[in-house]
Amino acid sequence: MSRPALDLDLYLVTDSALCGPRGVVETVRRALPGGVTAVQVREPRATTRELCALSRELLAVLAGTGVPLLVNDRLDVALAVGAQGVHLGQSDLPAEDAHRVAPELLLGLSVSTPEQVAAAPDWLDYLGVGPVRATATKPEAAAPLGLAGTAALVAAARVPCVAIGGIGPANAAEVRSTGVAGIAVVSAVCAADDPAAGAAALRGRRA
């Protein structure tokens, strides 16, 4: 099976609380015309059945767009629903095990220290580097790296990197200047009144 294409330029991470009554599926649907290039479904409070159902709905929305769906933490869900990839944290299933079980999936790993970057396998599709700034969407995250810290980790990485954490239209360009392949956002799109305009602003263009 050929591996899906992955464009990290604007990587959307879902959050049902921030999407509000509009819901995750409709938020993603509306955001796509703004230039979203990858979607990660991240719903840590969802049951396995709920996550599977949501992932299938998102796959239907993304069908034919070329935008892949990655499931946060849950390799089992990614395989069950036919998602294109999985994103793992440092305390999740080891990346080596996920790669052995499902080498056809896109695989990303969160890193926040030089040691984690050095230990990351060079067959990963990307590293999620952050947090760049403190963010309310993930209060348990590591200490903010800042622009200089982000740039240092990106320079040391052997695979493409996507930055995450406190990124919005006001600082997207300077975060991109650190050498990342793209930026990952949550609230800048999920909480936007107009998700397409929010996504477009992050790419420096009009919706």
C-alpha atoms as a PDB file:
ATOM      1  CA  MET A   1       0.000   0.000   0.000  1.00  0.00           C
ATOM      2  CA  SER A   2       1.380   3.409  -0.958  1.00  0.00           C
ATOM      3  CA  ARG A   3       1.834   5.933   1.789  1.00  0.00           C
ATOM      4  CA  PRO A   4      -0.458   8.981   1.765  1.00  0.00           C
ATOM      5  CA  ALA A   5       0.941  12.393   0.913  1.00  0.00           C
ATOM      6  CA  LEU A   6       1.496  14.723   3.850  1.00  0.00           C
ATOM      7  CA  ASP A   7       1.590  18.502   3.617  1.00  0.00           C
ATOM      8  CA  LEU A   8       2.273  19.994   7.052  1.00  0.00           C
ATOM      9  CA  ASP A   9       1.748  23.638   6.079  1.00  0.00           C
ATOM     10  CA  LEU A  10      -1.473  24.071   8.097  1.00  0.00           C
ATOM     11  CA  TYR A  11      -2.180  21.172  10.420  1.00  0.00           C
ATOM     12  CA  LEU A  12      -5.515  21.422  12.241  1.00  0.00           C
ATOM     13  CA  VAL A  13      -5.982  19.668  15.591  1.00  0.00           C
ATOM     14  CA  THR A  14      -9.610  19.297  16.633  1.00  0.00           C
ATOM     15  CA  ASP A  15     -11.135  20.257  19.970  1.00  0.00           C
ATOM     16  CA  SER A  16     -14.862  19.692  20.463  1.00  0.00           C
ATOM     17  CA  ALA A  17     -15.109  22.185  23.330  1.00  0.00           C
ATOM     18  CA  LEU A  18     -13.631  24.989  21.232  1.00  0.00           C
ATOM     19  CA  CYS A  19     -15.763  24.083  18.218  1.00  0.00           C
ATOM     20  CA  GLY A  20     -18.848  24.550  20.394  1.00  0.00           C
ATOM     21  CA  PRO A  21     -22.365  23.957  19.058  1.00  0.00           C
ATOM     22  CA  ARG A  22     -21.042  23.991  15.473  1.00  0.00           C
ATOM     23  CA  GLY A  23     -19.286  20.715  16.194  1.00  0.00           C
ATOM     24  CA  VAL A  24     -15.989  19.257  15.025  1.00  0.00           C
ATOM     25  CA  VAL A  25     -17.184  17.897  11.690  1.00  0.00           C
ATOM     26  CA  GLU A  26     -18.793  21.139  10.548  1.00  0.00           C
ATOM     27  CA  THR A  27     -15.803  23.168  11.761  1.00  0.00           C
ATOM     28  CA  VAL A  28     -13.439  21.040   9.699  1.00  0.00           C
ATOM     29  CA  ARG A  29     -15.765  21.224   6.694  1.00  0.00           C
ATOM     30  CA  ARG A  30     -15.810  25.016   6.880  1.00  0.00           C
ATOM     31  CA  ALA A  31     -12.067  25.306   7.509  1.00  0.00           C
ATOM     32  CA  LEU A  32     -10.962  23.306   4.461  1.00  0.00           C
ATOM     33  CA  PRO A  33     -11.426  26.113   1.906  1.00  0.00           C
ATOM     34  CA  GLY A  34      -9.102  28.278   4.010  1.00  0.00           C
ATOM     35  CA  GLY A  35      -6.158  26.011   3.267  1.00  0.00           C
ATOM     36  CA  VAL A  36      -6.029  23.281   5.914  1.00  0.00           C
ATOM     37  CA  THR A  37      -3.576  20.623   4.705  1.00  0.00           C
ATOM     38  CA  ALA A  38      -3.845  17.948   7.439  1.00  0.00           C
ATOM     39  CA  VAL A  39      -6.314  17.171  10.234  1.00  0.00           C
ATOM     40  CA  GLN A  40      -5.652  15.443  13.532  1.00  0.00           C
ATOM     41  CA  VAL A  41      -8.652  14.281  15.514  1.00  0.00           C
ATOM     42  CA  ARG A  42      -7.855  14.812  19.177  1.00  0.00           C
ATOM     43  CA  GLU A  43     -10.672  14.128  21.601  1.00  0.00           C
ATOM     44  CA  PRO A  44      -9.144  12.718  24.810  1.00  0.00           C
ATOM     45  CA  ARG A  45     -12.473  12.669  26.655  1.00  0.00           C
ATOM     46  CA  ALA A  46     -14.288  10.674  23.963  1.00  0.00           C
ATOM     47  CA  THR A  47     -15.016   6.990  24.372  1.00  0.00           C
ATOM     48  CA  THR A  48     -13.501   4.624  21.835  1.00  0.00           C
ATOM     49  CA  ARG A  49     -16.861   4.296  20.070  1.00  0.00           C
ATOM     50  CA  GLU A  50     -17.336   8.060  19.999  1.00  0.00           C
ATOM     51  CA  LEU A  51     -13.845   8.573  18.606  1.00  0.00           C
ATOM     52  CA  CYS A  52     -14.417   5.962  15.918  1.00  0.00           C
ATOM     53  CA  ALA A  53     -17.716   7.542  14.908  1.00  0.00           C
ATOM     54  CA  LEU A  54     -16.218  11.041  14.784  1.00  0.00           C
ATOM     55  CA  SER A  55     -13.208   9.819  12.816  1.00  0.00           C
ATOM     56  CA  ARG A  56     -15.444   8.157  10.231  1.00  0.00           C
ATOM     57  CA  GLU A  57     -17.455  11.359   9.828  1.00  0.00           C
ATOM     58  CA  LEU A  58     -14.264  13.343   9.332  1.00  0.00           C
ATOM     59  CA  LEU A  59     -12.971  10.846   6.785  1.00  0.00           C
ATOM     60  CA  ALA A  60     -16.184  11.344   4.822  1.00  0.00           C
ATOM     61  CA  VAL A  61     -15.707  15.122   4.874  1.00  0.00           C
ATOM     62  CA  LEU A  62     -12.052  14.810   3.801  1.00  0.00           C
ATOM     63  CA  ALA A  63     -12.682  12.234   1.074  1.00  0.00           C
ATOM     64  CA  GLY A  64     -11.377  13.462  -2.256  1.00  0.00           C
ATOM     65  CA  THR A  65      -9.627  16.519  -0.804  1.00  0.00           C
ATOM     66  CA  GLY A  66      -6.161  14.994  -0.442  1.00  0.00           C
ATOM     67  CA  VAL A  67      -6.150  16.107   3.206  1.00  0.00           C
ATOM     68  CA  PRO A  68      -5.199  13.174   5.460  1.00  0.00           C
ATOM     69  CA  LEU A  69      -6.759  12.360   8.823  1.00  0.00           C
ATOM     70  CA  LEU A  70      -4.462  11.404  11.686  1.00  0.00           C
ATOM     71  CA  VAL A  71      -5.769  10.097  14.996  1.00  0.00           C
ATOM     72  CA  ASN A  72      -4.161  11.357  18.185  1.00  0.00           C
ATOM     73  CA  ASP A  73      -2.750   8.634  20.469  1.00  0.00           C
ATOM     74  CA  ARG A  74      -4.967   5.798  19.210  1.00  0.00           C
ATOM     75  CA  LEU A  75      -3.399   3.452  16.689  1.00  0.00           C
ATOM     76  CA  ASP A  76      -6.287   1.030  17.185  1.00  0.00           C
ATOM     77  CA  VAL A  77      -8.838   3.646  16.164  1.00  0.00           C
ATOM     78  CA  ALA A  78      -6.754   4.782  13.184  1.00  0.00           C
ATOM     79  CA  LEU A  79      -6.586   1.206  11.909  1.00  0.00           C
ATOM     80  CA  ALA A  80     -10.233   0.444  12.665  1.00  0.00           C
ATOM     81  CA  VAL A  81     -11.634   3.399  10.717  1.00  0.00           C
ATOM     82  CA  GLY A  82      -9.073   3.544   7.915  1.00  0.00           C
ATOM     83  CA  ALA A  83      -7.461   6.848   8.865  1.00  0.00           C
ATOM     84  CA  GLN A  84      -4.260   7.800   7.073  1.00  0.00           C
ATOM     85  CA  GLY A  85      -2.104   8.230  10.153  1.00  0.00           C
ATOM     86  CA  VAL A  86      -1.582   8.438  13.889  1.00  0.00           C
ATOM     87  CA  HIS A  87       0.121  11.003  16.116  1.00  0.00           C
ATOM     88  CA  LEU A  88       1.837   9.791  19.284  1.00  0.00           C
ATOM     89  CA  GLY A  89       3.040  11.510  22.420  1.00  0.00           C
ATOM     90  CA  GLN A  90       6.012  10.618  24.565  1.00  0.00           C
ATOM     91  CA  SER A  91       3.850   8.558  26.945  1.00  0.00           C
ATOM     92  CA  ASP A  92       1.821   6.754  24.267  1.00  0.00           C
ATOM     93  CA  LEU A  93       2.504   3.540  22.377  1.00  0.00           C
ATOM     94  CA  PRO A  94       6.174   3.597  21.310  1.00  0.00           C
ATOM     95  CA  ALA A  95       6.614   4.804  17.755  1.00  0.00           C
ATOM     96  CA  GLU A  96       8.624   1.678  16.886  1.00  0.00           C
ATOM     97  CA  ASP A  97       5.689  -0.543  17.839  1.00  0.00           C
ATOM     98  CA  ALA A  98       3.216   1.536  15.852  1.00  0.00           C
ATOM     99  CA  HIS A  99       5.509   1.446  12.832  1.00  0.00           C
ATOM    100  CA  ARG A 100       5.910  -2.322  13.068  1.00  0.00           C
ATOM    101  CA  VAL A 101       2.167  -2.904  13.286  1.00  0.00           C
ATOM    102  CA  ALA A 102       1.135  -0.349  10.643  1.00  0.00           C
ATOM    103  CA  PRO A 103       4.056   0.715   8.422  1.00  0.00           C
ATOM    104  CA  GLU A 104       1.588   2.055   5.853  1.00  0.00           C
ATOM    105  CA  LEU A 105       0.324   4.801   8.188  1.00  0.00           C
ATOM    106  CA  LEU A 106       1.670   8.322   8.486  1.00  0.00           C
ATOM    107  CA  LEU A 107       3.333   8.591  11.879  1.00  0.00           C
ATOM    108  CA  GLY A 108       4.128  11.701  13.881  1.00  0.00           C
ATOM    109  CA  LEU A 109       5.654  12.120  17.332  1.00  0.00           C
ATOM    110  CA  SER A 110       5.527  14.995  19.812  1.00  0.00           C
ATOM    111  CA  VAL A 111       8.878  16.296  21.079  1.00  0.00           C
ATOM    112  CA  SER A 112       9.804  19.136  23.407  1.00  0.00           C
ATOM    113  CA  THR A 113      13.462  18.559  24.337  1.00  0.00           C
ATOM    114  CA  PRO A 114      16.766  18.025  22.509  1.00  0.00           C
ATOM    115  CA  GLU A 115      16.946  14.520  23.978  1.00  0.00           C
ATOM    116  CA  GLN A 116      13.564  13.581  22.528  1.00  0.00           C
ATOM    117  CA  VAL A 117      14.566  14.933  19.121  1.00  0.00           C
ATOM    118  CA  ALA A 118      17.808  12.946  19.195  1.00  0.00           C
ATOM    119  CA  ALA A 119      15.957   9.757  20.124  1.00  0.00           C
ATOM    120  CA  ALA A 120      13.274  10.156  17.444  1.00  0.00           C
ATOM    121  CA  PRO A 121      13.596   7.597  14.607  1.00  0.00           C
ATOM    122  CA  ASP A 122      14.485   9.058  11.232  1.00  0.00           C
ATOM    123  CA  TRP A 123      11.716   7.083   9.511  1.00  0.00           C
ATOM    124  CA  LEU A 124       9.018   9.154  11.194  1.00  0.00           C
ATOM    125  CA  ASP A 125       6.970  11.301   8.844  1.00  0.00           C
ATOM    126  CA  TYR A 126       7.243  14.347  11.085  1.00  0.00           C
ATOM    127  CA  LEU A 127       7.843  15.666  14.575  1.00  0.00           C
ATOM    128  CA  GLY A 128       5.388  17.877  16.423  1.00  0.00           C
ATOM    129  CA  VAL A 129       7.604  20.479  18.142  1.00  0.00           C
ATOM    130  CA  GLY A 130       6.263  22.487  21.028  1.00  0.00           C
ATOM    131  CA  PRO A 131       4.757  24.130  22.768  1.00  0.00           C
ATOM    132  CA  VAL A 132       6.076  27.294  21.149  1.00  0.00           C
ATOM    133  CA  ARG A 133       4.067  29.346  23.616  1.00  0.00           C
ATOM    134  CA  ALA A 134       1.915  28.407  26.601  1.00  0.00           C
ATOM    135  CA  THR A 135      -1.579  27.399  25.569  1.00  0.00           C
ATOM    136  CA  ALA A 136      -4.809  26.820  27.449  1.00  0.00           C
ATOM    137  CA  THR A 137      -5.776  23.971  25.127  1.00  0.00           C
ATOM    138  CA  LYS A 138      -3.092  21.726  26.641  1.00  0.00           C
ATOM    139  CA  PRO A 139      -2.196  22.996  30.131  1.00  0.00           C
ATOM    140  CA  GLU A 140      -0.205  19.825  30.917  1.00  0.00           C
ATOM    141  CA  ALA A 141       2.239  20.530  28.089  1.00  0.00           C
ATOM    142  CA  ALA A 142       5.963  21.074  28.664  1.00  0.00           C
ATOM    143  CA  ALA A 143       7.468  24.511  29.273  1.00  0.00           C
ATOM    144  CA  PRO A 144       7.211  26.851  26.256  1.00  0.00           C
ATOM    145  CA  LEU A 145      10.165  26.703  23.883  1.00  0.00           C
ATOM    146  CA  GLY A 146       9.878  30.177  22.433  1.00  0.00           C
ATOM    147  CA  LEU A 147      11.051  30.922  18.912  1.00  0.00           C
ATOM    148  CA  ALA A 148      14.734  30.283  19.622  1.00  0.00           C
ATOM    149  CA  GLY A 149      14.051  26.975  21.345  1.00  0.00           C
ATOM    150  CA  THR A 150      11.776  25.879  18.539  1.00  0.00           C
ATOM    151  CA  ALA A 151      14.379  26.772  15.922  1.00  0.00           C
ATOM    152  CA  ALA A 152      17.045  24.817  17.813  1.00  0.00           C
ATOM    153  CA  LEU A 153      14.945  21.642  17.911  1.00  0.00           C
ATOM    154  CA  VAL A 154      13.981  21.996  14.263  1.00  0.00           C
ATOM    155  CA  ALA A 155      17.637  22.401  13.276  1.00  0.00           C
ATOM    156  CA  ALA A 156      18.527  19.206  15.139  1.00  0.00           C
ATOM    157  CA  ALA A 157      15.664  17.147  13.699  1.00  0.00           C
ATOM    158  CA  ARG A 158      16.194  14.602  10.930  1.00  0.00           C
ATOM    159  CA  VAL A 159      12.597  14.735   9.684  1.00  0.00           C
ATOM    160  CA  PRO A 160      10.163  17.586   8.906  1.00  0.00           C
ATOM    161  CA  CYS A 161       8.727  19.430  11.878  1.00  0.00           C
ATOM    162  CA  VAL A 162       5.414  21.100  12.604  1.00  0.00           C
ATOM    163  CA  ALA A 163       5.269  23.662  15.414  1.00  0.00           C
ATOM    164  CA  ILE A 164       2.380  23.760  17.877  1.00  0.00           C
ATOM    165  CA  GLY A 165       1.349  25.785  20.892  1.00  0.00           C
ATOM    166  CA  GLY A 166      -0.059  29.284  21.077  1.00  0.00           C
ATOM    167  CA  ILE A 167       0.132  29.953  17.342  1.00  0.00           C
ATOM    168  CA  GLY A 168      -2.263  32.439  15.753  1.00  0.00           C
ATOM    169  CA  PRO A 169      -2.385  34.906  12.864  1.00  0.00           C
ATOM    170  CA  ALA A 170      -0.307  37.459  14.779  1.00  0.00           C
ATOM    171  CA  ASN A 171       2.711  35.181  15.183  1.00  0.00           C
ATOM    172  CA  ALA A 172       2.303  32.532  12.461  1.00  0.00           C
ATOM    173  CA  ALA A 173       4.868  34.126  10.155  1.00  0.00           C
ATOM    174  CA  GLU A 174       7.565  34.344  12.826  1.00  0.00           C
ATOM    175  CA  VAL A 175       6.935  30.747  13.876  1.00  0.00           C
ATOM    176  CA  ARG A 176       7.285  29.674  10.256  1.00  0.00           C
ATOM    177  CA  SER A 177      10.642  31.485  10.177  1.00  0.00           C
ATOM    178  CA  THR A 178      12.075  28.924  12.630  1.00  0.00           C
ATOM    179  CA  GLY A 179      12.447  26.419   9.789  1.00  0.00           C
ATOM    180  CA  VAL A 180       9.351  24.319  10.442  1.00  0.00           C
ATOM    181  CA  ALA A 181       7.546  22.646   7.565  1.00  0.00           C
ATOM    182  CA  GLY A 182       4.272  23.955   8.925  1.00  0.00           C
ATOM    183  CA  ILE A 183       2.221  25.060  11.907  1.00  0.00           C
ATOM    184  CA  ALA A 184      -0.350  23.147  13.942  1.00  0.00           C
ATOM    185  CA  VAL A 185      -3.248  25.031  15.469  1.00  0.00           C
ATOM    186  CA  VAL A 186      -6.290  24.354  17.600  1.00  0.00           C
ATOM    187  CA  SER A 187      -8.100  27.440  18.862  1.00  0.00           C
ATOM    188  CA  ALA A 188      -7.094  29.715  15.959  1.00  0.00           C
ATOM    189  CA  VAL A 189      -9.415  27.693  13.731  1.00  0.00           C
ATOM    190  CA  CYS A 190     -11.710  25.710  16.045  1.00  0.00           C
ATOM    191  CA  ALA A 191     -12.765  28.798  18.025  1.00  0.00           C
ATOM    192  CA  ALA A 192     -12.915  31.136  15.014  1.00  0.00           C
ATOM    193  CA  ASP A 193     -16.302  32.566  14.015  1.00  0.00           C
ATOM    194  CA  ASP A 194     -15.317  31.805  10.426  1.00  0.00           C
ATOM    195  CA  PRO A 195     -13.019  28.750  10.331  1.00  0.00           C
ATOM    196  CA  ALA A 196     -12.116  29.291   6.661  1.00  0.00           C
ATOM    197  CA  ALA A 197     -11.045  32.872   7.343  1.00  0.00           C
ATOM    198  CA  GLY A 198      -9.133  31.727  10.420  1.00  0.00           C
ATOM    199  CA  ALA A 199      -7.263  29.117   8.394  1.00  0.00           C
ATOM    200  CA  ALA A 200      -6.568  31.550   5.556  1.00  0.00           C
ATOM    201  CA  ALA A 201      -5.156  34.146   7.953  1.00  0.00           C
ATOM    202  CA  LEU A 202      -2.696  31.581   9.247  1.00  0.00           C
ATOM    203  CA  ARG A 203      -1.489  31.009   5.700  1.00  0.00           C
ATOM    204  CA  GLY A 204      -1.225  34.726   5.031  1.00  0.00           C
ATOM    205  CA  ARG A 205      -4.031  34.917   2.536  1.00  0.00           C
ATOM    206  CA  ARG A 206      -7.688  35.844   2.247  1.00  0.00           C
ATOM    207  CA  ALA A 207     -10.382  33.197   2.536  1.00  0.00           C
END
